[in-house]
Amino acid sequence: EVQLVESGGGLVQPGESLRLACRISGFSSGEAFGTFAYAWFRQSPGKEREGLTCIAPGNDNRDVYYDESVRGRFTPTADGAKNTVYLQMNSLKPEDTAVYYCAAVDRRYYYTAPLSPQLYDYWGRGTQVTVSS
């Protein structure tokens, strides 16, 4: 079964940057990195899990969706050679503090609701990002 492991979280000050990574493994026969689309979500205490970005690998990483709250600050990328997706986060704010998750879904279906957590079948365990002075 597909497994996702996030890394790169930590404590940063407002205005700083972080890059999260999500390594994907466990592909079944006939599956590969490009079989799936990958999204980043976050969840803070007392709030629902919210979708941030989605990327479908290939096509020069041009198939990307953004939530308006992070457009211009967060950028997902995909590296098929490393089976890894990244989330570059710039100009971080205290309200970005949350646990960040990556998730995967068969890329035939991602376009129906690319930022909806209900769509995704595979999830990592998350990495904590704290933005505080």
Protein backbone atom coordinates (compact mmCIF):
# COMPACT_ATOMS: atom_id res chain seq x y z
CA GLU A 1 0.00 0.00 0.00
CA VAL A 2 1.15 3.52 -0.72
CA GLN A 3 2.87 5.15 2.24
CA LEU A 4 3.67 8.83 2.72
CA VAL A 5 6.15 10.25 5.20
CA GLU A 6 6.42 13.96 5.82
CA SER A 7 9.48 15.77 7.10
CA GLY A 8 10.86 19.29 7.41
CA GLY A 9 8.58 20.83 10.00
CA GLY A 10 9.86 22.90 12.87
CA LEU A 11 9.79 26.19 14.72
CA VAL A 12 10.38 29.36 12.71
CA GLN A 13 9.86 33.07 13.21
CA PRO A 14 7.26 35.09 11.31
CA GLY A 15 8.46 35.97 7.84
CA GLU A 16 10.80 33.00 7.55
CA SER A 17 10.55 30.04 5.19
CA LEU A 18 10.34 26.26 5.46
CA ARG A 19 10.33 23.46 2.91
CA LEU A 20 8.38 20.36 3.75
CA ALA A 21 9.04 17.05 2.04
CA CYS A 22 6.80 14.03 1.58
CA ARG A 23 8.39 10.81 0.42
CA ILE A 24 6.10 8.27 -1.19
CA SER A 25 6.71 4.52 -1.25
CA GLY A 26 4.86 1.20 -1.35
CA PHE A 27 3.64 1.32 -4.93
CA SER A 28 1.85 -1.80 -6.08
CA SER A 29 2.45 -3.50 -9.42
CA GLY A 30 1.31 -1.17 -12.15
CA GLU A 31 1.57 1.92 -9.94
CA ALA A 32 4.25 4.56 -9.89
CA PHE A 33 4.85 8.05 -8.60
CA GLY A 34 2.99 9.51 -11.55
CA THR A 35 -0.09 7.36 -10.95
CA PHE A 36 -1.17 9.71 -8.18
CA ALA A 37 -1.86 13.33 -7.48
CA TYR A 38 -0.57 14.74 -4.22
CA ALA A 39 -1.99 17.37 -1.93
CA TRP A 40 -0.88 19.20 1.17
CA PHE A 41 -3.31 19.81 4.02
CA ARG A 42 -3.00 21.31 7.46
CA GLN A 43 -4.94 21.14 10.66
CA SER A 44 -4.68 23.19 13.81
CA PRO A 45 -6.41 22.46 17.13
CA GLY A 46 -10.15 22.96 16.99
CA LYS A 47 -10.21 23.48 13.24
CA GLU A 48 -11.09 21.29 10.30
CA ARG A 49 -8.41 19.93 8.04
CA GLU A 50 -7.94 22.37 5.17
CA GLY A 51 -6.53 21.79 1.71
CA LEU A 52 -3.63 24.00 0.67
CA THR A 53 -2.21 22.79 -2.65
CA CYS A 54 -2.49 19.88 -5.03
CA ILE A 55 -0.03 18.80 -7.71
CA ALA A 56 -0.30 16.13 -10.38
CA PRO A 57 3.27 15.18 -11.39
CA GLY A 58 4.41 15.60 -14.96
CA ASN A 59 3.52 18.29 -17.45
CA ASP A 60 6.43 20.31 -16.03
CA ASN A 61 4.63 20.55 -12.68
CA ARG A 62 2.00 22.81 -14.23
CA ASP A 63 -1.04 20.94 -12.96
CA VAL A 64 -1.24 22.70 -9.62
CA TYR A 65 -4.14 23.92 -7.51
CA TYR A 66 -3.95 26.41 -4.65
CA ASP A 67 -6.20 27.52 -1.86
CA GLU A 68 -6.41 31.30 -2.06
CA SER A 69 -5.13 31.62 1.50
CA VAL A 70 -1.67 30.38 0.45
CA ARG A 71 -1.43 31.34 -3.21
CA GLY A 72 1.73 33.37 -3.74
CA ARG A 73 3.35 32.12 -0.53
CA PHE A 74 3.25 28.31 -0.80
CA THR A 75 4.47 26.33 -3.80
CA PRO A 76 4.28 22.55 -4.29
CA THR A 77 6.73 20.70 -6.49
CA ALA A 78 7.18 17.05 -7.41
CA ASP A 79 10.40 15.11 -8.02
CA GLY A 80 9.71 11.80 -9.70
CA ALA A 81 13.32 10.68 -9.45
CA LYS A 82 13.05 10.84 -5.67
CA ASN A 83 9.38 9.89 -5.33
CA THR A 84 9.00 13.02 -3.27
CA VAL A 85 6.75 16.05 -3.24
CA TYR A 86 7.69 19.28 -1.56
CA LEU A 87 5.91 22.29 -0.16
CA GLN A 88 7.92 25.49 -0.17
CA MET A 89 6.42 27.89 2.37
CA ASN A 90 7.52 31.51 2.39
CA SER A 91 6.57 34.55 4.46
CA LEU A 92 5.21 32.35 7.19
CA LYS A 93 2.70 33.79 9.64
CA PRO A 94 1.66 32.71 13.13
CA GLU A 95 -1.68 31.58 11.69
CA ASP A 96 0.20 29.04 9.55
CA THR A 97 0.94 27.09 12.71
CA ALA A 98 -0.54 23.60 12.28
CA VAL A 99 0.22 19.97 11.61
CA TYR A 100 0.87 19.59 7.89
CA TYR A 101 -0.11 16.44 6.04
CA CYS A 102 0.49 15.15 2.56
CA ALA A 103 -2.01 12.88 0.85
CA ALA A 104 -2.37 10.95 -2.39
CA VAL A 105 -5.21 10.01 -4.71
CA ASP A 106 -5.38 8.28 -8.08
CA ARG A 107 -4.70 11.12 -10.51
CA ARG A 108 -7.70 10.13 -12.64
CA TYR A 109 -9.92 11.61 -9.93
CA TYR A 110 -8.04 14.49 -8.32
CA TYR A 111 -9.51 17.20 -10.54
CA THR A 112 -13.02 16.64 -9.15
CA ALA A 113 -12.12 18.16 -5.77
CA PRO A 114 -8.35 18.65 -5.56
CA LEU A 115 -8.38 20.29 -2.12
CA SER A 116 -11.04 18.17 -0.46
CA PRO A 117 -9.65 15.84 2.20
CA GLN A 118 -12.53 13.41 1.59
CA LEU A 119 -11.15 12.65 -1.87
CA TYR A 120 -7.77 11.34 -0.73
CA ASP A 121 -7.06 7.70 0.00
CA TYR A 122 -3.56 7.76 1.42
CA TRP A 123 -2.20 9.99 4.17
CA GLY A 124 1.01 10.66 6.00
CA ARG A 125 1.17 11.15 9.74
CA GLY A 126 1.97 14.82 9.55
CA THR A 127 4.72 17.19 10.57
CA GLN A 128 4.34 20.08 13.01
CA VAL A 129 4.99 23.63 11.83
CA THR A 130 5.09 26.35 14.45
CA VAL A 131 5.47 30.01 13.54
CA SER A 132 6.21 32.13 16.55
CA SER A 133 8.49 34.92 17.68
